[in-house]
Amino acid sequence: MSNTRLLARGLVPYDLQAIQVRSLMIKNEVTSLIKDKRARVGVIGLGYVGLPLATEFARNGFSAVGFEVDEGKAAEINFGRSYVGDVSSQVIRDVVDAGRLRATTDFDHLKECDAIIICVPTPLRKTKEPDISFILAAAEEIKKRLRRGQLVVLESTTYPGTTDEILRPIFEETGLKLDEDFLLAFSPERVDPGNPEFQTHNIPKVVGGVTDDSTETAAYLYSQIVREVHAVTSARVAEAAKLLENTFRAVNIGMANEMARLCYALGIDTWEVIRAAATKPFGFMPFYPGPGIGGHCIPLDPQYLSWKARQHGFDSRFIGLAEEVNSRMPEHVVQLVSDGLNDDRKAMNGARVLLLGVAYKRDIDDVRESPALSIIDRLRSKGCEVRYHDPFVRELRFDDAHTEGGRAPLASVELNDQEIQAADCVVIVTNHSQIDYARVTEKASLVVDTRNALNGDLRRESRARIIRL
């Protein structure tokens, strides 16, 4: 029997009754604010996750404030300008002008918020261990201003246990108690940059609280802006669910990449094989090969799960094998370039290679963990002169650009006839929809297509020799 039912029947000790009463009070207080849309929502981190989230709350009648350490980003939002492709500047202007959205670098305004959502990056260290320093920094800012009556939700991807093992103790150091004074939950971010079909409002939300009251309250908050909310029994379950989602993708992409390399060795069309297998109406889900995996999720999230597994003496072999296969794809792409040049009796050393697309996926400007970076490094190490064209990425900067002997930034070149014809090899790394592939196949001499960007008609009419992944 739950404590709530026992309390109603007078069967709970007095001190526990008092705690239960305070717990019910805090949940009801926050829920009431949310119901009447009087709850003030704060979002820490206005990137690909945080900005769409804050905007959605503002669009649904809540007062939302975004917290940023980057003064430039905060200024852009307050001027009504968006720097995230999935959120239009017009939408930002509308909610800013209506007084429902503002951005600030002053974290003292956290005291005004009834719900605080953490949307900060969670990268990996060079040792492939989780780097939750941004979460800890956000937690410290909240801790300094934490007051009774606040709901805190972590959205940043992390390993199971972070919310209740790391955040809860930090917040309870203030003397405030979970359920009596504040509520705490985890709800994994789910964004697909550049996908117009799925936005914040129509992507189902998983929510797991450290306690039942936290789960119910956080789920109710998200139900105001999301069509479907799936509540789970704990924050740990929600944390693990996020890692499973992207580990599933990483492992299956790894299988597709391994199949692509095998098909290349056998002289079989990989894409035709996948299309044929996908006709099976059950037991098969198509995944597609590529030049490598990139972005803020798939290359990183499985490593969080693998790291946590090692802490418990468990070897997650599927994750390791998938990473090994996926990380070798840039090397395979360079081998395809080498094979193509060799067939033309050209050396890699001194060859001019033009990359089409350097973003990690189609029609976005994000280059985080993009396989293009590794491909460029490998081509340069072979003596190639590398140039690129990307309509979304004007300049490509490297991590060591400011160090002595570091790599200078590359600027996107215009995709004209002269540029295409001057290339000894054109490599399609990202299949942006704005690129005129018919022109490329007409003017180029050799094309390596890693994304199946060239359909059957283009391949049949191509004047260029085409090598497909």
Protein backbone atom coordinates (compact mmCIF):
# COMPACT_ATOMS: atom_id res chain seq x y z
CA MET A 1 0.00 0.00 0.00
CA SER A 2 1.43 3.42 -0.90
CA ASN A 3 2.32 5.98 1.76
CA THR A 4 -0.35 8.28 0.31
CA ARG A 5 -3.08 5.66 0.96
CA LEU A 6 -1.69 4.84 4.39
CA LEU A 7 -1.73 8.53 5.22
CA ALA A 8 -5.38 8.78 4.21
CA ARG A 9 -6.19 5.91 6.61
CA GLY A 10 -4.12 7.34 9.46
CA LEU A 11 -1.67 4.42 9.48
CA VAL A 12 1.58 6.34 9.01
CA PRO A 13 3.75 7.65 11.90
CA TYR A 14 3.32 11.36 12.62
CA ASP A 15 6.75 12.48 11.32
CA LEU A 16 6.22 10.55 8.08
CA GLN A 17 2.75 12.06 7.82
CA ALA A 18 4.29 15.52 8.02
CA ILE A 19 6.79 14.66 5.28
CA GLN A 20 4.01 13.24 3.12
CA VAL A 21 1.93 16.38 3.60
CA ARG A 22 4.85 18.59 2.57
CA SER A 23 5.52 16.28 -0.39
CA LEU A 24 1.94 16.51 -1.57
CA MET A 25 2.02 20.26 -1.07
CA ILE A 26 5.13 20.81 -3.21
CA LYS A 27 3.84 18.59 -6.01
CA ASN A 28 0.45 20.27 -5.97
CA GLU A 29 1.97 23.75 -5.86
CA VAL A 30 4.16 23.18 -8.90
CA THR A 31 1.43 21.32 -10.78
CA SER A 32 -0.99 24.17 -10.14
CA LEU A 33 1.48 26.69 -11.56
CA ILE A 34 1.95 24.54 -14.64
CA LYS A 35 -1.79 24.03 -15.12
CA ASP A 36 -2.47 27.78 -15.03
CA LYS A 37 0.63 28.46 -17.16
CA ARG A 38 1.99 30.64 -14.39
CA ALA A 39 5.08 28.42 -14.10
CA ARG A 40 8.21 30.23 -15.24
CA VAL A 41 10.44 27.87 -17.21
CA GLY A 42 14.22 28.25 -17.32
CA VAL A 43 16.36 26.39 -19.84
CA ILE A 44 20.11 26.19 -19.30
CA GLY A 45 21.92 25.89 -22.63
CA LEU A 46 20.42 27.34 -25.81
CA GLY A 47 21.81 24.98 -28.42
CA TYR A 48 20.18 22.46 -30.74
CA VAL A 49 18.17 21.06 -27.82
CA GLY A 50 17.63 23.97 -25.46
CA LEU A 51 16.53 26.67 -27.90
CA PRO A 52 13.73 24.64 -29.55
CA LEU A 53 12.57 23.54 -26.08
CA ALA A 54 12.47 27.06 -24.62
CA THR A 55 10.73 28.32 -27.76
CA GLU A 56 8.08 25.61 -27.54
CA PHE A 57 7.24 26.53 -23.95
CA ALA A 58 7.00 30.20 -24.96
CA ARG A 59 4.78 29.35 -27.93
CA ASN A 60 2.43 27.50 -25.58
CA GLY A 61 1.90 30.45 -23.29
CA PHE A 62 4.62 29.98 -20.68
CA SER A 63 7.16 32.58 -19.66
CA ALA A 64 10.52 31.10 -20.67
CA VAL A 65 14.05 32.31 -20.04
CA GLY A 66 17.14 30.79 -21.60
CA PHE A 67 20.47 30.79 -19.77
CA GLU A 68 23.68 30.98 -21.78
CA VAL A 69 27.36 31.54 -21.04
CA ASP A 70 27.78 32.90 -24.58
CA GLU A 71 26.78 36.56 -24.54
CA GLY A 72 26.58 36.59 -28.34
CA LYS A 73 23.96 33.84 -28.40
CA ALA A 74 21.89 35.50 -25.70
CA ALA A 75 22.00 38.79 -27.64
CA GLU A 76 20.91 37.07 -30.86
CA ILE A 77 17.84 35.60 -29.17
CA ASN A 78 16.88 38.90 -27.54
CA PHE A 79 17.16 40.59 -30.95
CA GLY A 80 14.79 37.95 -32.34
CA ARG A 81 17.36 36.11 -34.41
CA SER A 82 17.79 32.34 -34.46
CA TYR A 83 21.12 30.57 -34.95
CA VAL A 84 19.57 27.08 -34.90
CA GLY A 85 18.28 25.82 -38.23
CA ASP A 86 15.21 24.06 -36.80
CA VAL A 87 13.89 27.28 -35.21
CA SER A 88 13.03 30.18 -37.51
CA SER A 89 13.91 33.75 -36.62
CA GLN A 90 10.27 34.68 -37.16
CA VAL A 91 9.17 32.30 -34.40
CA ILE A 92 11.84 33.71 -32.09
CA ARG A 93 10.77 37.28 -32.86
CA ASP A 94 7.13 36.48 -32.18
CA VAL A 95 7.70 35.05 -28.69
CA VAL A 96 10.36 37.63 -27.78
CA ASP A 97 8.08 40.49 -28.85
CA ALA A 98 5.24 38.91 -26.88
CA GLY A 99 7.46 38.96 -23.78
CA ARG A 100 7.37 35.19 -23.34
CA LEU A 101 11.01 34.44 -24.21
CA ARG A 102 14.24 36.10 -23.24
CA ALA A 103 17.85 35.01 -22.91
CA THR A 104 20.38 35.98 -20.28
CA THR A 105 23.87 35.25 -19.01
CA ASP A 106 22.84 36.21 -15.46
CA PHE A 107 22.16 32.97 -13.61
CA ASP A 108 20.64 34.85 -10.65
CA HIS A 109 17.40 34.76 -12.63
CA LEU A 110 17.24 31.02 -11.86
CA LYS A 111 15.63 32.01 -8.57
CA GLU A 112 12.62 33.25 -10.51
CA CYS A 113 12.07 29.95 -12.31
CA ASP A 114 9.61 27.32 -11.14
CA ALA A 115 10.95 24.68 -13.56
CA ILE A 116 14.60 24.50 -14.59
CA ILE A 117 15.69 22.27 -17.48
CA ILE A 118 19.37 21.48 -18.08
CA CYS A 119 20.31 21.12 -21.78
CA VAL A 120 24.10 21.31 -21.82
CA PRO A 121 26.65 19.30 -23.84
CA THR A 122 28.02 16.02 -22.53
CA PRO A 123 31.14 15.24 -24.58
CA LEU A 124 33.72 12.51 -24.07
CA ARG A 125 37.22 12.98 -22.76
CA LYS A 126 40.11 11.82 -24.92
CA THR A 127 40.13 8.69 -22.76
CA LYS A 128 36.52 8.04 -23.91
CA GLU A 129 35.25 8.57 -20.40
CA PRO A 130 32.13 10.69 -19.79
CA ASP A 131 32.71 14.41 -19.36
CA ILE A 132 29.83 15.72 -17.25
CA SER A 133 31.62 18.95 -16.33
CA PHE A 134 28.94 21.05 -18.06
CA ILE A 135 26.22 19.29 -16.06
CA LEU A 136 28.14 19.89 -12.84
CA ALA A 137 28.65 23.55 -13.72
CA ALA A 138 24.93 23.98 -14.36
CA ALA A 139 24.11 22.13 -11.13
CA GLU A 140 26.36 24.46 -9.13
CA GLU A 141 24.62 27.50 -10.60
CA ILE A 142 21.25 26.01 -9.65
CA LYS A 143 22.47 25.04 -6.18
CA LYS A 144 23.39 28.66 -5.40
CA ARG A 145 19.82 29.77 -6.15
CA LEU A 146 17.75 26.68 -5.36
CA ARG A 147 14.58 27.50 -3.44
CA ARG A 148 11.51 25.69 -2.27
CA GLY A 149 8.99 24.96 -5.00
CA GLN A 150 11.28 24.26 -7.95
CA LEU A 151 11.31 21.35 -10.40
CA VAL A 152 14.70 20.53 -11.94
CA VAL A 153 14.93 18.31 -15.02
CA LEU A 154 18.12 17.06 -16.66
CA GLU A 155 17.90 16.48 -20.42
CA SER A 156 21.61 16.13 -21.24
CA THR A 157 22.58 12.60 -22.25
CA THR A 158 24.49 10.85 -19.49
CA TYR A 159 25.09 7.50 -17.84
CA PRO A 160 22.45 5.83 -15.62
CA GLY A 161 22.63 7.13 -12.08
CA THR A 162 23.72 10.69 -12.80
CA THR A 163 20.46 12.33 -11.75
CA ASP A 164 20.06 10.65 -8.37
CA GLU A 165 23.73 9.96 -7.56
CA ILE A 166 25.22 13.27 -8.67
CA LEU A 167 22.52 15.95 -8.88
CA ARG A 168 20.41 15.00 -5.87
CA PRO A 169 23.29 15.17 -3.34
CA ILE A 170 24.45 18.51 -4.80
CA PHE A 171 21.00 20.04 -4.37
CA GLU A 172 20.40 18.55 -0.92
CA GLU A 173 23.65 20.15 0.31
CA THR A 174 21.56 23.33 0.49
CA GLY A 175 19.46 21.79 3.28
CA LEU A 176 16.46 21.48 0.99
CA LYS A 177 14.94 18.02 0.67
CA LEU A 178 13.74 16.16 -2.39
CA ASP A 179 9.92 15.94 -2.54
CA GLU A 180 9.55 18.18 0.50
CA ASP A 181 11.17 21.24 -1.08
CA PHE A 182 12.11 20.48 -4.68
CA LEU A 183 11.51 17.89 -7.40
CA LEU A 184 14.09 16.21 -9.65
CA ALA A 185 13.75 14.20 -12.88
CA PHE A 186 15.48 13.14 -16.08
CA SER A 187 13.95 13.41 -19.55
CA PRO A 188 16.31 12.57 -22.41
CA GLU A 189 16.53 15.02 -25.28
CA ARG A 190 15.31 13.74 -28.61
CA VAL A 191 16.13 15.97 -31.55
CA ASP A 192 16.83 15.21 -35.19
CA PRO A 193 18.42 18.35 -36.67
CA GLY A 194 17.30 19.11 -40.19
CA ASN A 195 14.24 16.84 -40.00
CA PRO A 196 11.14 18.98 -40.69
CA GLU A 197 8.78 16.08 -39.96
CA PHE A 198 9.73 15.68 -36.31
CA GLN A 199 9.99 18.70 -34.04
CA THR A 200 9.77 19.12 -30.27
CA HIS A 201 5.96 19.00 -30.12
CA ASN A 202 5.51 15.69 -31.96
CA ILE A 203 8.45 13.67 -30.65
CA PRO A 204 7.31 11.44 -27.73
CA LYS A 205 8.96 12.37 -24.44
CA VAL A 206 10.30 9.85 -21.92
CA VAL A 207 10.29 11.09 -18.31
CA GLY A 208 11.67 9.43 -15.21
CA GLY A 209 11.88 11.09 -11.80
CA VAL A 210 14.04 10.29 -8.82
CA THR A 211 10.72 9.88 -6.97
CA ASP A 212 7.13 9.26 -8.06
CA ASP A 213 6.13 12.86 -7.32
CA SER A 214 9.00 14.12 -9.44
CA THR A 215 7.99 11.82 -12.30
CA GLU A 216 4.36 12.91 -12.23
CA THR A 217 5.17 16.60 -12.06
CA ALA A 218 7.82 16.54 -14.80
CA ALA A 219 5.54 14.46 -17.03
CA TYR A 220 2.75 16.98 -16.51
CA LEU A 221 5.09 19.83 -17.43
CA TYR A 222 6.11 18.22 -20.72
CA SER A 223 2.51 17.29 -21.51
CA GLN A 224 1.87 21.00 -22.00
CA ILE A 225 4.11 21.11 -25.08
CA VAL A 226 4.47 17.49 -26.27
CA ARG A 227 1.68 15.30 -27.65
CA GLU A 228 2.84 12.07 -26.02
CA VAL A 229 4.67 11.64 -22.70
CA HIS A 230 5.84 8.21 -21.56
CA ALA A 231 6.55 8.07 -17.82
CA VAL A 232 8.95 5.42 -16.50
CA THR A 233 9.63 4.23 -12.98
CA SER A 234 12.92 6.02 -12.36
CA ALA A 235 15.46 8.49 -13.66
CA ARG A 236 17.86 5.57 -14.20
CA VAL A 237 15.44 3.90 -16.60
CA ALA A 238 15.06 7.14 -18.57
CA GLU A 239 18.84 7.62 -18.68
CA ALA A 240 19.38 4.06 -19.89
CA ALA A 241 16.59 4.34 -22.49
CA LYS A 242 18.34 7.25 -24.17
CA LEU A 243 21.62 5.35 -24.37
CA LEU A 244 19.84 2.28 -25.75
CA GLU A 245 18.21 4.34 -28.52
CA ASN A 246 21.49 5.57 -29.91
CA THR A 247 23.50 2.44 -29.16
CA PHE A 248 20.93 0.51 -31.20
CA ARG A 249 21.56 2.86 -34.11
CA ALA A 250 25.35 2.76 -33.75
CA VAL A 251 25.44 -1.04 -33.70
CA ASN A 252 23.15 -1.41 -36.71
CA ILE A 253 24.97 1.26 -38.69
CA GLY A 254 28.16 -0.63 -37.88
CA MET A 255 26.59 -3.76 -39.37
CA ALA A 256 25.59 -1.83 -42.51
CA ASN A 257 29.10 -0.39 -42.82
CA GLU A 258 30.68 -3.82 -42.47
CA MET A 259 28.30 -5.15 -45.12
CA ALA A 260 29.29 -2.28 -47.42
CA ARG A 261 32.96 -3.16 -47.16
CA LEU A 262 32.20 -6.81 -47.80
CA CYS A 263 30.04 -5.98 -50.82
CA TYR A 264 32.78 -3.74 -52.22
CA ALA A 265 35.25 -6.61 -51.95
CA LEU A 266 32.76 -8.93 -53.66
CA GLY A 267 31.81 -6.47 -56.37
CA ILE A 268 28.17 -6.31 -55.23
CA ASP A 269 25.97 -3.19 -55.08
CA THR A 270 25.48 -2.59 -51.32
CA TRP A 271 22.45 -0.35 -51.79
CA GLU A 272 20.66 -2.87 -53.99
CA VAL A 273 21.27 -5.55 -51.37
CA ILE A 274 19.71 -3.36 -48.66
CA ARG A 275 16.73 -2.46 -50.85
CA ALA A 276 16.12 -6.14 -51.55
CA ALA A 277 16.35 -7.12 -47.88
CA ALA A 278 14.01 -4.26 -46.91
CA THR A 279 11.17 -5.82 -48.91
CA LYS A 280 10.74 -8.31 -46.09
CA PRO A 281 7.71 -7.08 -44.13
CA PHE A 282 8.88 -8.44 -40.78
CA GLY A 283 12.10 -9.06 -38.88
CA PHE A 284 14.22 -6.54 -40.79
CA MET A 285 14.83 -2.82 -40.43
CA PRO A 286 17.02 -1.11 -43.05
CA PHE A 287 20.11 0.79 -41.90
CA TYR A 288 22.47 2.38 -44.38
CA PRO A 289 26.26 2.66 -44.63
CA GLY A 290 28.14 5.92 -44.83
CA PRO A 291 31.57 7.54 -44.52
CA GLY A 292 31.41 7.33 -40.74
CA ILE A 293 29.13 8.49 -37.95
CA GLY A 294 28.95 12.01 -36.59
CA GLY A 295 26.89 14.43 -34.55
CA HIS A 296 26.24 14.90 -30.85
CA CYS A 297 24.66 11.50 -30.14
CA ILE A 298 25.62 8.35 -32.01
CA PRO A 299 29.43 8.64 -31.78
CA LEU A 300 29.27 9.51 -28.06
CA ASP A 301 26.26 7.99 -26.32
CA PRO A 302 27.27 4.31 -26.66
CA GLN A 303 30.53 5.17 -24.92
CA TYR A 304 28.59 6.41 -21.89
CA LEU A 305 26.84 3.05 -21.68
CA SER A 306 30.08 1.16 -22.27
CA TRP A 307 31.86 3.17 -19.54
CA LYS A 308 29.08 2.48 -17.04
CA ALA A 309 29.18 -1.20 -17.94
CA ARG A 310 32.92 -1.34 -17.19
CA GLN A 311 32.28 0.14 -13.75
CA HIS A 312 30.26 -2.99 -13.03
CA GLY A 313 32.72 -5.43 -14.56
CA PHE A 314 30.71 -5.92 -17.72
CA ASP A 315 32.29 -5.91 -21.18
CA SER A 316 29.89 -4.44 -23.76
CA ARG A 317 31.40 -6.13 -26.80
CA PHE A 318 28.76 -5.12 -29.35
CA ILE A 319 29.44 -1.45 -28.62
CA GLY A 320 33.18 -1.92 -28.99
CA LEU A 321 32.86 -3.79 -32.28
CA ALA A 322 30.46 -1.20 -33.71
CA GLU A 323 32.81 1.62 -32.78
CA GLU A 324 35.72 -0.20 -34.38
CA VAL A 325 33.83 -0.71 -37.65
CA ASN A 326 32.36 2.79 -37.78
CA SER A 327 35.63 4.51 -36.93
CA ARG A 328 37.34 2.75 -39.85
CA MET A 329 34.92 4.06 -42.47
CA PRO A 330 36.86 7.29 -43.19
CA GLU A 331 39.89 5.10 -43.90
CA HIS A 332 37.77 3.00 -46.26
CA VAL A 333 36.60 6.15 -48.09
CA VAL A 334 40.20 7.22 -48.60
CA GLN A 335 40.96 3.74 -49.94
CA LEU A 336 38.15 4.16 -52.47
CA VAL A 337 39.70 7.46 -53.57
CA SER A 338 43.10 5.78 -53.85
CA ASP A 339 41.65 2.91 -55.89
CA GLY A 340 39.89 5.33 -58.22
CA LEU A 341 42.98 7.46 -58.77
CA ASN A 342 45.11 4.39 -59.28
CA ASP A 343 42.76 3.19 -62.04
CA ASP A 344 43.32 6.58 -63.70
CA ARG A 345 47.09 6.12 -63.26
CA LYS A 346 47.25 8.99 -60.79
CA ALA A 347 49.03 9.15 -57.47
CA MET A 348 47.43 10.25 -54.20
CA ASN A 349 50.39 12.54 -53.59
CA GLY A 350 49.56 15.79 -55.35
CA ALA A 351 46.01 14.80 -56.32
CA ARG A 352 43.32 17.45 -55.96
CA VAL A 353 40.30 16.12 -54.07
CA LEU A 354 37.02 18.03 -53.73
CA LEU A 355 34.70 17.03 -50.88
CA LEU A 356 30.99 17.75 -51.27
CA GLY A 357 29.54 18.31 -47.81
CA VAL A 358 31.39 18.37 -44.50
CA ALA A 359 28.44 18.54 -42.07
CA TYR A 360 27.73 15.27 -40.30
CA LYS A 361 24.30 14.92 -41.94
CA ARG A 362 22.16 16.24 -44.75
CA ASP A 363 20.99 19.87 -44.88
CA ILE A 364 22.39 21.10 -41.54
CA ASP A 365 25.45 23.14 -40.55
CA ASP A 366 26.67 20.94 -37.69
CA VAL A 367 30.17 19.47 -38.08
CA ARG A 368 30.49 17.92 -34.62
CA GLU A 369 32.26 14.56 -34.92
CA SER A 370 31.75 14.72 -38.70
CA PRO A 371 33.57 11.95 -40.59
CA ALA A 372 34.65 14.64 -43.08
CA LEU A 373 37.24 15.85 -40.57
CA SER A 374 38.90 12.45 -40.40
CA ILE A 375 38.69 12.01 -44.18
CA ILE A 376 40.41 15.36 -44.71
CA ASP A 377 43.18 14.44 -42.28
CA ARG A 378 43.79 11.12 -44.00
CA LEU A 379 43.76 12.61 -47.50
CA ARG A 380 46.21 15.31 -46.47
CA SER A 381 48.50 12.73 -44.89
CA LYS A 382 48.66 11.08 -48.31
CA GLY A 383 49.71 14.35 -49.91
CA CYS A 384 46.34 15.32 -51.41
CA GLU A 385 45.29 18.93 -51.93
CA VAL A 386 41.87 18.99 -50.26
CA ARG A 387 39.11 21.48 -50.98
CA TYR A 388 35.44 21.36 -50.03
CA HIS A 389 32.06 22.78 -50.89
CA ASP A 390 29.23 22.91 -48.36
CA PRO A 391 26.29 25.33 -48.68
CA PHE A 392 25.75 25.20 -44.91
CA VAL A 393 29.33 25.37 -43.62
CA ARG A 394 31.25 28.43 -44.78
CA GLU A 395 34.41 27.64 -42.89
CA LEU A 396 35.80 24.48 -41.36
CA ARG A 397 37.93 24.99 -38.27
CA PHE A 398 40.10 22.36 -36.64
CA ASP A 399 40.77 21.84 -32.93
CA ASP A 400 44.49 22.54 -33.28
CA ALA A 401 44.07 25.63 -35.50
CA HIS A 402 45.56 27.94 -32.86
CA THR A 403 48.56 25.79 -31.97
CA GLU A 404 51.97 26.00 -33.58
CA GLY A 405 51.95 23.82 -36.64
CA GLY A 406 48.17 23.40 -36.38
CA ARG A 407 45.84 23.05 -39.31
CA ALA A 408 44.63 26.31 -40.83
CA PRO A 409 40.87 26.69 -41.35
CA LEU A 410 39.42 25.69 -44.70
CA ALA A 411 36.83 27.83 -46.50
CA SER A 412 34.06 26.42 -48.66
CA VAL A 413 34.69 26.96 -52.37
CA GLU A 414 32.11 27.80 -55.00
CA LEU A 415 30.84 24.75 -56.82
CA ASN A 416 31.43 25.89 -60.39
CA ASP A 417 32.47 24.04 -63.53
CA GLN A 418 36.10 25.02 -63.12
CA GLU A 419 36.28 23.69 -59.54
CA ILE A 420 34.66 20.39 -60.47
CA GLN A 421 36.78 19.85 -63.58
CA ALA A 422 40.00 20.71 -61.73
CA ALA A 423 39.41 17.95 -59.18
CA ASP A 424 41.07 14.61 -59.75
CA CYS A 425 38.37 13.11 -57.55
CA VAL A 426 35.07 14.42 -56.14
CA VAL A 427 33.90 12.76 -52.91
CA ILE A 428 30.28 13.05 -51.80
CA VAL A 429 30.58 12.97 -48.02
CA THR A 430 27.25 14.64 -47.15
CA ASN A 431 24.35 14.48 -49.58
CA HIS A 432 22.96 18.00 -49.21
CA SER A 433 19.82 18.55 -51.28
CA GLN A 434 21.05 21.91 -52.63
CA ILE A 435 23.93 20.37 -54.60
CA ASP A 436 23.42 19.91 -58.36
CA TYR A 437 24.56 16.32 -58.72
CA ALA A 438 23.74 16.18 -62.42
CA ARG A 439 26.26 18.95 -62.97
CA VAL A 440 28.81 17.12 -60.86
CA THR A 441 28.48 13.88 -62.83
CA GLU A 442 28.70 15.83 -66.11
CA LYS A 443 31.84 17.81 -65.26
CA ALA A 444 33.81 15.50 -62.94
CA SER A 445 36.13 12.72 -64.07
CA LEU A 446 35.87 10.57 -60.95
CA VAL A 447 33.23 10.57 -58.19
CA VAL A 448 33.25 8.58 -54.96
CA ASP A 449 29.67 8.48 -53.65
CA THR A 450 29.51 7.53 -49.97
CA ARG A 451 25.82 8.41 -49.51
CA ASN A 452 24.06 6.90 -52.51
CA ALA A 453 23.33 10.47 -53.60
CA LEU A 454 23.49 9.57 -57.29
CA ASN A 455 20.35 7.79 -58.40
CA GLY A 456 20.12 5.33 -61.26
CA ASP A 457 19.40 7.93 -63.95
CA LEU A 458 22.36 10.06 -62.88
CA ARG A 459 24.65 7.06 -62.86
CA ARG A 460 23.52 5.92 -66.31
CA GLU A 461 23.95 9.38 -67.84
CA SER A 462 27.15 10.26 -65.96
CA ARG A 463 30.27 11.18 -67.86
CA ALA A 464 32.23 10.62 -64.66
CA ARG A 465 33.37 7.24 -63.42
CA ILE A 466 31.49 6.53 -60.20
CA ILE A 467 32.63 4.45 -57.25
CA ARG A 468 29.94 3.77 -54.66
CA LEU A 469 30.39 2.81 -51.03
